[in-house]
């Protein structure tokens, strides 16, 4: 990443990702009001991690992004509206913005997953095209914006991660993927909430799987050991 661009927090990347996403998916509502932006940040689907950010927290993230010229604010009607300025500040094409957007909103993904998830933002002809733009982002003279992560056990493709929140810290005992990013200053309430929400979601999924297994045991007449 460019030395002139500060490391962004989780909420700042979420705000930036939402603005870039909604520009393509709901152009009639773009630029977004603060209320719409908060809703987009706290969206339950197509987000990883799921967060619960408050309006003041999102406003603080906007202020931080504005200082970096990554967003623009426009006045009109009864509320201010916000748009992103990614291409101009980072000097990247819209295809690369689409990839960064999905990485900011959904976390590390393979080139194949990115091609599918970017469908509404930009239709890549094939995986090779996705890989070519990822390579450009990773080899930028001004500083890499993405990094290819070590392959996970049993996976056929490597995942990619954005570097807007710093270089990922890999656990040597768990070489398959990142466990965190380089610290970006104080952890916000929204970031703590994001972690709690993600843990709650995972616990719920485990509970559902256990219930399904118990049901299968009953249907098969098998006693659990």
Protein backbone atom coordinates (compact mmCIF):
# COMPACT_ATOMS: atom_id res chain seq x y z
CA UNK A 1 0.00 0.00 0.00
CA UNK A 2 1.17 3.50 -0.68
CA UNK A 3 3.16 5.04 2.14
CA UNK A 4 0.95 8.12 1.91
CA UNK A 5 -2.22 6.16 2.62
CA UNK A 6 -2.89 5.40 6.28
CA UNK A 7 -3.85 1.92 7.44
CA UNK A 8 -7.65 1.77 7.63
CA UNK A 9 -9.74 0.27 10.40
CA UNK A 10 -12.27 -2.50 9.82
CA UNK A 11 -15.14 -0.02 9.93
CA UNK A 12 -13.42 2.35 7.51
CA UNK A 13 -12.94 -0.44 4.98
CA UNK A 14 -16.56 -1.49 5.49
CA UNK A 15 -17.78 2.04 4.81
CA UNK A 16 -15.60 2.33 1.73
CA UNK A 17 -16.72 -1.08 0.47
CA UNK A 18 -20.39 -0.29 0.96
CA UNK A 19 -20.09 2.97 -0.98
CA UNK A 20 -18.35 1.22 -3.88
CA UNK A 21 -20.88 -1.64 -3.84
CA UNK A 22 -24.00 0.52 -3.73
CA UNK A 23 -22.69 2.75 -6.53
CA UNK A 24 -23.09 -0.25 -8.85
CA UNK A 25 -26.03 -2.11 -7.31
CA UNK A 26 -28.36 0.81 -6.43
CA UNK A 27 -27.16 3.70 -8.61
CA UNK A 28 -30.43 5.61 -8.17
CA UNK A 29 -29.73 5.90 -4.41
CA UNK A 30 -26.06 6.79 -4.79
CA UNK A 31 -24.39 8.83 -3.26
CA UNK A 32 -25.66 7.44 0.05
CA UNK A 33 -27.11 9.20 3.08
CA UNK A 34 -25.59 8.42 6.48
CA UNK A 35 -28.65 6.36 7.38
CA UNK A 36 -28.37 4.25 4.22
CA UNK A 37 -24.65 3.82 4.81
CA UNK A 38 -25.19 2.56 8.36
CA UNK A 39 -27.71 0.03 7.04
CA UNK A 40 -25.25 -1.12 4.40
CA UNK A 41 -22.48 -1.52 6.97
CA UNK A 42 -24.71 -3.58 9.28
CA UNK A 43 -26.18 -5.70 6.49
CA UNK A 44 -26.45 -9.35 7.52
CA UNK A 45 -25.97 -10.88 4.08
CA UNK A 46 -22.84 -10.72 1.91
CA UNK A 47 -20.76 -9.40 4.82
CA UNK A 48 -17.87 -10.98 6.69
CA UNK A 49 -17.66 -10.20 9.51
CA UNK A 50 -21.21 -9.10 10.31
CA UNK A 51 -21.07 -5.93 12.43
CA UNK A 52 -23.36 -3.64 14.40
CA UNK A 53 -21.92 -0.16 13.94
CA UNK A 54 -23.69 2.88 15.34
CA UNK A 55 -24.38 6.09 13.42
CA UNK A 56 -21.69 8.04 15.35
CA UNK A 57 -19.13 5.31 14.62
CA UNK A 58 -19.93 5.35 10.91
CA UNK A 59 -19.73 9.14 10.92
CA UNK A 60 -16.29 8.94 12.57
CA UNK A 61 -15.18 6.47 9.89
CA UNK A 62 -16.42 8.87 7.21
CA UNK A 63 -14.42 11.68 8.79
CA UNK A 64 -11.29 9.54 8.70
CA UNK A 65 -11.84 8.59 5.07
CA UNK A 66 -12.56 12.20 4.14
CA UNK A 67 -9.18 13.23 5.56
CA UNK A 68 -7.59 10.75 3.13
CA UNK A 69 -9.73 12.04 0.22
CA UNK A 70 -11.20 8.53 -0.15
CA UNK A 71 -14.76 9.85 0.08
CA UNK A 72 -16.57 12.94 -1.13
CA UNK A 73 -19.52 14.61 0.59
CA UNK A 74 -22.28 16.34 -1.33
CA UNK A 75 -25.13 18.43 -0.02
CA UNK A 76 -28.62 18.28 -1.39
CA UNK A 77 -32.10 17.94 -0.04
CA UNK A 78 -32.35 17.46 3.71
CA UNK A 79 -29.30 15.21 4.22
CA UNK A 80 -25.67 15.06 3.20
CA UNK A 81 -24.69 12.26 0.85
CA UNK A 82 -21.43 10.38 0.51
CA UNK A 83 -19.60 8.76 -2.39
CA UNK A 84 -16.24 7.01 -2.73
CA UNK A 85 -13.15 8.32 -4.49
CA UNK A 86 -11.22 5.05 -4.78
CA UNK A 87 -10.16 5.16 -8.41
CA UNK A 88 -8.78 8.69 -8.28
CA UNK A 89 -6.89 8.29 -5.00
CA UNK A 90 -5.48 4.81 -5.59
CA UNK A 91 -5.11 5.21 -9.38
CA UNK A 92 -6.80 1.90 -10.19
CA UNK A 93 -9.44 0.93 -12.80
CA UNK A 94 -13.03 0.05 -11.97
CA UNK A 95 -12.28 -3.67 -12.36
CA UNK A 96 -9.74 -3.48 -9.55
CA UNK A 97 -12.16 -1.44 -7.44
CA UNK A 98 -14.73 -4.22 -7.80
CA UNK A 99 -12.21 -6.78 -6.50
CA UNK A 100 -11.14 -4.57 -3.60
CA UNK A 101 -14.79 -3.94 -2.75
CA UNK A 102 -15.57 -7.64 -2.43
CA UNK A 103 -12.44 -8.24 -0.37
CA UNK A 104 -13.40 -5.37 1.97
CA UNK A 105 -16.96 -6.62 2.35
CA UNK A 106 -16.49 -10.40 2.42
CA UNK A 107 -12.94 -11.02 3.57
CA UNK A 108 -10.32 -13.30 1.93
CA UNK A 109 -11.55 -15.11 -1.20
CA UNK A 110 -10.21 -17.15 -4.08
CA UNK A 111 -10.12 -15.77 -7.61
CA UNK A 112 -13.06 -18.02 -8.47
CA UNK A 113 -15.12 -16.73 -5.55
CA UNK A 114 -14.25 -13.16 -6.44
CA UNK A 115 -15.40 -13.63 -10.02
CA UNK A 116 -18.80 -14.86 -8.82
CA UNK A 117 -19.19 -12.29 -6.04
CA UNK A 118 -18.20 -9.39 -8.31
CA UNK A 119 -20.89 -10.26 -10.86
CA UNK A 120 -23.09 -7.26 -9.98
CA UNK A 121 -20.14 -4.86 -9.90
CA UNK A 122 -18.18 -6.05 -12.93
CA UNK A 123 -18.52 -9.14 -15.10
CA UNK A 124 -15.09 -10.69 -15.53
CA UNK A 125 -14.75 -12.84 -18.64
CA UNK A 126 -12.96 -15.64 -16.80
CA UNK A 127 -10.84 -16.43 -13.76
CA UNK A 128 -7.67 -15.57 -15.68
CA UNK A 129 -8.95 -12.01 -16.02
CA UNK A 130 -9.57 -11.82 -12.27
CA UNK A 131 -6.09 -13.18 -11.58
CA UNK A 132 -4.54 -10.63 -13.92
CA UNK A 133 -6.14 -7.69 -12.09
CA UNK A 134 -5.21 -9.22 -8.73
CA UNK A 135 -1.61 -9.51 -9.89
CA UNK A 136 -1.64 -5.84 -10.90
CA UNK A 137 -2.95 -4.87 -7.46
CA UNK A 138 -0.28 -7.00 -5.79
CA UNK A 139 2.55 -5.59 -7.90
CA UNK A 140 1.68 -1.87 -7.88
CA UNK A 141 4.73 0.39 -7.93
CA UNK A 142 3.00 2.62 -5.37
CA UNK A 143 2.54 -0.33 -3.01
CA UNK A 144 0.58 -3.58 -3.04
CA UNK A 145 -3.14 -3.39 -2.30
CA UNK A 146 -3.74 -7.15 -2.12
CA UNK A 147 -1.74 -10.21 -1.11
CA UNK A 148 -2.05 -13.88 -1.98
CA UNK A 149 -2.39 -16.00 1.16
CA UNK A 150 -0.95 -19.49 1.77
CA UNK A 151 -3.18 -22.25 0.47
CA UNK A 152 -5.56 -23.84 2.96
CA UNK A 153 -5.46 -27.62 3.46
CA UNK A 154 -7.72 -29.33 0.95
CA UNK A 155 -8.20 -26.17 -1.11
CA UNK A 156 -7.42 -26.03 -4.84
CA UNK A 157 -7.00 -22.26 -4.95
CA UNK A 158 -5.19 -19.68 -2.87
CA UNK A 159 -7.22 -16.92 -1.28
CA UNK A 160 -6.52 -13.22 -1.65
CA UNK A 161 -6.81 -10.48 0.98
CA UNK A 162 -6.78 -6.69 0.72
CA UNK A 163 -4.01 -4.71 2.41
CA UNK A 164 -5.94 -1.53 3.18
CA UNK A 165 -5.94 -2.58 6.84
CA UNK A 166 -2.27 -3.56 6.86
CA UNK A 167 -0.29 -6.72 6.20
CA UNK A 168 -2.00 -9.85 7.58
CA UNK A 169 -0.30 -11.55 10.52
CA UNK A 170 -0.01 -15.27 9.89
CA UNK A 171 0.00 -17.82 12.69
CA UNK A 172 3.00 -20.12 12.16
CA UNK A 173 1.08 -23.01 13.71
CA UNK A 174 -1.84 -22.37 11.37
CA UNK A 175 -0.22 -21.52 8.01
CA UNK A 176 -3.46 -21.85 6.10
CA UNK A 177 -4.63 -18.28 6.56
CA UNK A 178 -4.43 -14.98 8.40
CA UNK A 179 -5.49 -14.56 12.01
CA UNK A 180 -5.37 -10.78 12.10
CA UNK A 181 -4.04 -7.66 10.43
CA UNK A 182 -1.35 -5.29 11.56
CA UNK A 183 -2.73 -3.01 14.29
CA UNK A 184 -4.39 0.14 12.99
CA UNK A 185 -4.65 2.03 16.25
CA UNK A 186 -7.35 1.81 18.90
CA UNK A 187 -10.02 -0.85 18.40
CA UNK A 188 -13.42 0.73 17.96
CA UNK A 189 -16.66 -0.40 19.55
CA UNK A 190 -17.89 -1.34 16.10
CA UNK A 191 -14.93 -3.66 15.57
CA UNK A 192 -15.48 -5.37 18.92
CA UNK A 193 -19.15 -5.76 18.04
CA UNK A 194 -18.16 -7.28 14.72
CA UNK A 195 -16.10 -9.97 16.42
CA UNK A 196 -18.87 -10.72 18.91
CA UNK A 197 -21.45 -10.91 16.12
CA UNK A 198 -19.27 -13.28 14.15
CA UNK A 199 -18.76 -15.55 17.17
CA UNK A 200 -22.51 -15.57 17.81
CA UNK A 201 -23.19 -16.47 14.19
CA UNK A 202 -20.66 -19.32 14.27
CA UNK A 203 -22.07 -20.64 17.54
CA UNK A 204 -25.56 -20.63 16.04
CA UNK A 205 -24.34 -22.54 12.98
CA UNK A 206 -22.63 -25.13 15.20
CA UNK A 207 -25.85 -25.49 17.20
CA UNK A 208 -27.85 -26.05 14.00
CA UNK A 209 -25.38 -28.68 12.81
CA UNK A 210 -25.55 -30.50 16.14
CA UNK A 211 -29.32 -30.49 15.94
CA UNK A 212 -29.18 -31.91 12.43
CA UNK A 213 -26.80 -34.66 13.53
CA UNK A 214 -29.05 -35.57 16.47
CA UNK A 215 -32.03 -35.74 14.11
CA UNK A 216 -30.13 -38.05 11.75
CA UNK A 217 -29.21 -40.34 14.64
CA UNK A 218 -32.88 -40.59 15.64
CA UNK A 219 -34.06 -41.24 12.08
CA UNK A 220 -31.42 -43.93 11.59
CA UNK A 221 -32.09 -45.48 14.97
CA UNK A 222 -28.46 -45.15 15.94
CA UNK A 223 -27.36 -44.53 19.51
CA UNK A 224 -24.63 -41.95 19.95
CA UNK A 225 -21.58 -43.31 21.70
